[in-house]
Amino acid sequence: MFQQSKADDEKLEVIAKAIQDLQFGEVQITIQDGVIVQINRLEKQRFPQKNK
């Protein structure tokens, strides 16, 4: 059965931190040969629209 390594735990922690407090945006996880090699976080700032 699959056994999770310490490195995998660290990657999951980074992903959890990237998602935390994210209001609008995306988290992109790049996987190469079955291994997470990169995590990108894109945060968008939304401003309320004023009625004219």
PDB file of N, CA and C in Angstrom:
ATOM      1  N   MET A   1       0.838  -1.187   0.000  1.00  0.00           N
ATOM      2  CA  MET A   1       0.000   0.000   0.000  1.00  0.00           C
ATOM      3  C   MET A   1       0.878   1.244   0.000  1.00  0.00           C
ATOM      4  N   PHE A   2       0.346   2.354  -0.472  1.00  0.00           N
ATOM      5  CA  PHE A   2       1.093   3.611  -0.566  1.00  0.00           C
ATOM      6  C   PHE A   2       1.445   4.132   0.816  1.00  0.00           C
ATOM      7  N   GLN A   3       2.714   4.425   1.001  1.00  0.00           N
ATOM      8  CA  GLN A   3       3.173   4.980   2.271  1.00  0.00           C
ATOM      9  C   GLN A   3       3.622   6.419   2.017  1.00  0.00           C
ATOM     10  N   GLN A   4       3.111   7.336   2.812  1.00  0.00           N
ATOM     11  CA  GLN A   4       3.396   8.745   2.630  1.00  0.00           C
ATOM     12  C   GLN A   4       4.729   9.093   3.284  1.00  0.00           C
ATOM     13  N   SER A   5       5.597   9.769   2.526  1.00  0.00           N
ATOM     14  CA  SER A   5       6.897  10.153   3.065  1.00  0.00           C
ATOM     15  C   SER A   5       6.823  11.530   3.721  1.00  0.00           C
ATOM     16  N   LYS A   6       7.884  11.889   4.416  1.00  0.00           N
ATOM     17  CA  LYS A   6       7.963  13.203   5.054  1.00  0.00           C
ATOM     18  C   LYS A   6       7.905  14.304   3.996  1.00  0.00           C
ATOM     19  N   ALA A   7       8.533  14.074   2.850  1.00  0.00           N
ATOM     20  CA  ALA A   7       8.516  15.057   1.763  1.00  0.00           C
ATOM     21  C   ALA A   7       7.092  15.264   1.257  1.00  0.00           C
ATOM     22  N   ASP A   8       6.317  14.190   1.157  1.00  0.00           N
ATOM     23  CA  ASP A   8       4.921  14.298   0.727  1.00  0.00           C
ATOM     24  C   ASP A   8       4.107  15.096   1.739  1.00  0.00           C
ATOM     25  N   ASP A   9       4.357  14.862   3.023  1.00  0.00           N
ATOM     26  CA  ASP A   9       3.665  15.618   4.072  1.00  0.00           C
ATOM     27  C   ASP A   9       3.969  17.108   3.952  1.00  0.00           C
ATOM     28  N   GLU A  10       5.215  17.443   3.669  1.00  0.00           N
ATOM     29  CA  GLU A  10       5.605  18.845   3.515  1.00  0.00           C
ATOM     30  C   GLU A  10       4.910  19.475   2.307  1.00  0.00           C
ATOM     31  N   LYS A  11       4.804  18.735   1.229  1.00  0.00           N
ATOM     32  CA  LYS A  11       4.125  19.250   0.027  1.00  0.00           C
ATOM     33  C   LYS A  11       2.650  19.490   0.302  1.00  0.00           C
ATOM     34  N   LEU A  12       2.018  18.554   1.014  1.00  0.00           N
ATOM     35  CA  LEU A  12       0.604  18.731   1.360  1.00  0.00           C
ATOM     36  C   LEU A  12       0.409  19.938   2.273  1.00  0.00           C
ATOM     37  N   GLU A  13       1.365  20.182   3.154  1.00  0.00           N
ATOM     38  CA  GLU A  13       1.293  21.340   4.040  1.00  0.00           C
ATOM     39  C   GLU A  13       1.411  22.640   3.238  1.00  0.00           C
ATOM     40  N   VAL A  14       2.290  22.668   2.243  1.00  0.00           N
ATOM     41  CA  VAL A  14       2.431  23.846   1.382  1.00  0.00           C
ATOM     42  C   VAL A  14       1.139  24.095   0.611  1.00  0.00           C
ATOM     43  N   ILE A  15       0.512  23.031   0.121  1.00  0.00           N
ATOM     44  CA  ILE A  15      -0.754  23.167  -0.608  1.00  0.00           C
ATOM     45  C   ILE A  15      -1.833  23.720   0.316  1.00  0.00           C
ATOM     46  N   ALA A  16      -1.910  23.206   1.539  1.00  0.00           N
ATOM     47  CA  ALA A  16      -2.904  23.683   2.503  1.00  0.00           C
ATOM     48  C   ALA A  16      -2.690  25.161   2.814  1.00  0.00           C
ATOM     49  N   LYS A  17      -1.446  25.590   2.974  1.00  0.00           N
ATOM     50  CA  LYS A  17      -1.145  26.996   3.237  1.00  0.00           C
ATOM     51  C   LYS A  17      -1.511  27.871   2.035  1.00  0.00           C
ATOM     52  N   ALA A  18      -1.312  27.350   0.823  1.00  0.00           N
ATOM     53  CA  ALA A  18      -1.644  28.112  -0.387  1.00  0.00           C
ATOM     54  C   ALA A  18      -3.146  28.342  -0.495  1.00  0.00           C
ATOM     55  N   ILE A  19      -3.938  27.396  -0.011  1.00  0.00           N
ATOM     56  CA  ILE A  19      -5.394  27.497  -0.082  1.00  0.00           C
ATOM     57  C   ILE A  19      -5.942  28.376   1.043  1.00  0.00           C
ATOM     58  N   GLN A  20      -5.259  28.357   2.177  1.00  0.00           N
ATOM     59  CA  GLN A  20      -5.720  29.081   3.360  1.00  0.00           C
ATOM     60  C   GLN A  20      -5.873  30.571   3.065  1.00  0.00           C
ATOM     61  N   ASP A  21      -6.996  31.131   3.472  1.00  0.00           N
ATOM     62  CA  ASP A  21      -7.293  32.563   3.335  1.00  0.00           C
ATOM     63  C   ASP A  21      -7.390  33.035   1.880  1.00  0.00           C
ATOM     64  N   LEU A  22      -7.494  32.138   0.934  1.00  0.00           N
ATOM     65  CA  LEU A  22      -7.624  32.517  -0.474  1.00  0.00           C
ATOM     66  C   LEU A  22      -9.095  32.791  -0.765  1.00  0.00           C
ATOM     67  N   GLN A  23      -9.432  34.044  -1.051  1.00  0.00           N
ATOM     68  CA  GLN A  23     -10.815  34.432  -1.341  1.00  0.00           C
ATOM     69  C   GLN A  23     -11.158  34.173  -2.803  1.00  0.00           C
ATOM     70  N   PHE A  24     -10.328  34.697  -3.707  1.00  0.00           N
ATOM     71  CA  PHE A  24     -10.521  34.537  -5.142  1.00  0.00           C
ATOM     72  C   PHE A  24      -9.171  34.191  -5.749  1.00  0.00           C
ATOM     73  N   GLY A  25      -9.128  33.161  -6.541  1.00  0.00           N
ATOM     74  CA  GLY A  25      -7.873  32.804  -7.189  1.00  0.00           C
ATOM     75  C   GLY A  25      -7.810  31.318  -7.483  1.00  0.00           C
ATOM     76  N   GLU A  26      -6.581  30.847  -7.614  1.00  0.00           N
ATOM     77  CA  GLU A  26      -6.397  29.437  -7.945  1.00  0.00           C
ATOM     78  C   GLU A  26      -5.067  28.942  -7.407  1.00  0.00           C
ATOM     79  N   VAL A  27      -5.017  27.648  -7.157  1.00  0.00           N
ATOM     80  CA  VAL A  27      -3.788  26.978  -6.777  1.00  0.00           C
ATOM     81  C   VAL A  27      -3.526  25.939  -7.856  1.00  0.00           C
ATOM     82  N   GLN A  28      -2.369  26.030  -8.472  1.00  0.00           N
ATOM     83  CA  GLN A  28      -2.011  25.121  -9.561  1.00  0.00           C
ATOM     84  C   GLN A  28      -0.892  24.207  -9.074  1.00  0.00           C
ATOM     85  N   ILE A  29      -1.101  22.911  -9.238  1.00  0.00           N
ATOM     86  CA  ILE A  29      -0.117  21.915  -8.820  1.00  0.00           C
ATOM     87  C   ILE A  29       0.423  21.234 -10.072  1.00  0.00           C
ATOM     88  N   THR A  30       1.728  21.329 -10.272  1.00  0.00           N
ATOM     89  CA  THR A  30       2.367  20.713 -11.430  1.00  0.00           C
ATOM     90  C   THR A  30       2.983  19.389 -11.000  1.00  0.00           C
ATOM     91  N   ILE A  31       2.619  18.342 -11.748  1.00  0.00           N
ATOM     92  CA  ILE A  31       3.094  16.996 -11.441  1.00  0.00           C
ATOM     93  C   ILE A  31       3.876  16.473 -12.627  1.00  0.00           C
ATOM     94  N   GLN A  32       5.046  15.915 -12.339  1.00  0.00           N
ATOM     95  CA  GLN A  32       5.880  15.341 -13.397  1.00  0.00           C
ATOM     96  C   GLN A  32       6.296  13.939 -12.965  1.00  0.00           C
ATOM     97  N   ASP A  33       6.025  12.973 -13.798  1.00  0.00           N
ATOM     98  CA  ASP A  33       6.333  11.569 -13.494  1.00  0.00           C
ATOM     99  C   ASP A  33       5.740  11.130 -12.158  1.00  0.00           C
ATOM    100  N   GLY A  34       4.512  11.607 -11.868  1.00  0.00           N
ATOM    101  CA  GLY A  34       3.817  11.205 -10.656  1.00  0.00           C
ATOM    102  C   GLY A  34       4.281  11.899  -9.385  1.00  0.00           C
ATOM    103  N   VAL A  35       5.118  12.933  -9.521  1.00  0.00           N
ATOM    104  CA  VAL A  35       5.669  13.635  -8.370  1.00  0.00           C
ATOM    105  C   VAL A  35       5.332  15.119  -8.473  1.00  0.00           C
ATOM    106  N   ILE A  36       4.902  15.724  -7.364  1.00  0.00           N
ATOM    107  CA  ILE A  36       4.641  17.165  -7.346  1.00  0.00           C
ATOM    108  C   ILE A  36       5.974  17.885  -7.466  1.00  0.00           C
ATOM    109  N   VAL A  37       6.104  18.722  -8.503  1.00  0.00           N
ATOM    110  CA  VAL A  37       7.354  19.443  -8.718  1.00  0.00           C
ATOM    111  C   VAL A  37       7.198  20.952  -8.538  1.00  0.00           C
ATOM    112  N   GLN A  38       5.954  21.445  -8.541  1.00  0.00           N
ATOM    113  CA  GLN A  38       5.746  22.890  -8.435  1.00  0.00           C
ATOM    114  C   GLN A  38       4.334  23.185  -7.954  1.00  0.00           C
ATOM    115  N   ILE A  39       4.205  24.241  -7.151  1.00  0.00           N
ATOM    116  CA  ILE A  39       2.906  24.708  -6.676  1.00  0.00           C
ATOM    117  C   ILE A  39       2.854  26.208  -6.896  1.00  0.00           C
ATOM    118  N   ASN A  40       1.842  26.684  -7.635  1.00  0.00           N
ATOM    119  CA  ASN A  40       1.663  28.108  -7.899  1.00  0.00           C
ATOM    120  C   ASN A  40       0.362  28.566  -7.265  1.00  0.00           C
ATOM    121  N   ARG A  41       0.398  29.754  -6.674  1.00  0.00           N
ATOM    122  CA  ARG A  41      -0.807  30.361  -6.109  1.00  0.00           C
ATOM    123  C   ARG A  41      -1.026  31.689  -6.816  1.00  0.00           C
ATOM    124  N   LEU A  42      -2.214  31.845  -7.369  1.00  0.00           N
ATOM    125  CA  LEU A  42      -2.597  33.095  -8.023  1.00  0.00           C
ATOM    126  C   LEU A  42      -3.770  33.670  -7.250  1.00  0.00           C
ATOM    127  N   GLU A  43      -3.562  34.841  -6.671  1.00  0.00           N
ATOM    128  CA  GLU A  43      -4.611  35.481  -5.883  1.00  0.00           C
ATOM    129  C   GLU A  43      -5.121  36.697  -6.641  1.00  0.00           C
ATOM    130  N   LYS A  44      -6.430  36.790  -6.734  1.00  0.00           N
ATOM    131  CA  LYS A  44      -7.065  37.907  -7.422  1.00  0.00           C
ATOM    132  C   LYS A  44      -7.689  38.835  -6.394  1.00  0.00           C
ATOM    133  N   GLN A  45      -7.594  40.096  -6.642  1.00  0.00           N
ATOM    134  CA  GLN A  45      -8.206  41.100  -5.770  1.00  0.00           C
ATOM    135  C   GLN A  45      -9.506  41.551  -6.419  1.00  0.00           C
ATOM    136  N   ARG A  46     -10.594  41.401  -5.722  1.00  0.00           N
ATOM    137  CA  ARG A  46     -11.911  41.821  -6.228  1.00  0.00           C
ATOM    138  C   ARG A  46     -12.341  43.071  -5.485  1.00  0.00           C
ATOM    139  N   PHE A  47     -12.858  44.043  -6.217  1.00  0.00           N
ATOM    140  CA  PHE A  47     -13.327  45.287  -5.625  1.00  0.00           C
ATOM    141  C   PHE A  47     -14.829  45.389  -5.825  1.00  0.00           C
ATOM    142  N   PRO A  48     -15.553  45.815  -4.794  1.00  0.00           N
ATOM    143  CA  PRO A  48     -17.008  45.947  -4.941  1.00  0.00           C
ATOM    144  C   PRO A  48     -17.344  47.015  -5.971  1.00  0.00           C
ATOM    145  N   GLN A  49     -18.375  46.737  -6.770  1.00  0.00           N
ATOM    146  CA  GLN A  49     -18.802  47.699  -7.775  1.00  0.00           C
ATOM    147  C   GLN A  49     -19.776  48.698  -7.145  1.00  0.00           C
ATOM    148  N   LYS A  50     -19.574  49.954  -7.492  1.00  0.00           N
ATOM    149  CA  LYS A  50     -20.462  50.991  -6.997  1.00  0.00           C
ATOM    150  C   LYS A  50     -21.604  51.196  -8.004  1.00  0.00           C
ATOM    151  N   ASN A  51     -22.793  51.369  -7.504  1.00  0.00           N
ATOM    152  CA  ASN A  51     -23.935  51.666  -8.374  1.00  0.00           C
ATOM    153  C   ASN A  51     -23.853  53.125  -8.796  1.00  0.00           C
ATOM    154  N   LYS A  52     -24.150  53.391 -10.058  1.00  0.00           N
ATOM    155  CA  LYS A  52     -24.068  54.771 -10.562  1.00  0.00           C
ATOM    156  C   LYS A  52     -25.305  55.548 -10.258  1.00  0.00           C
TER     157      LYS A  52
END
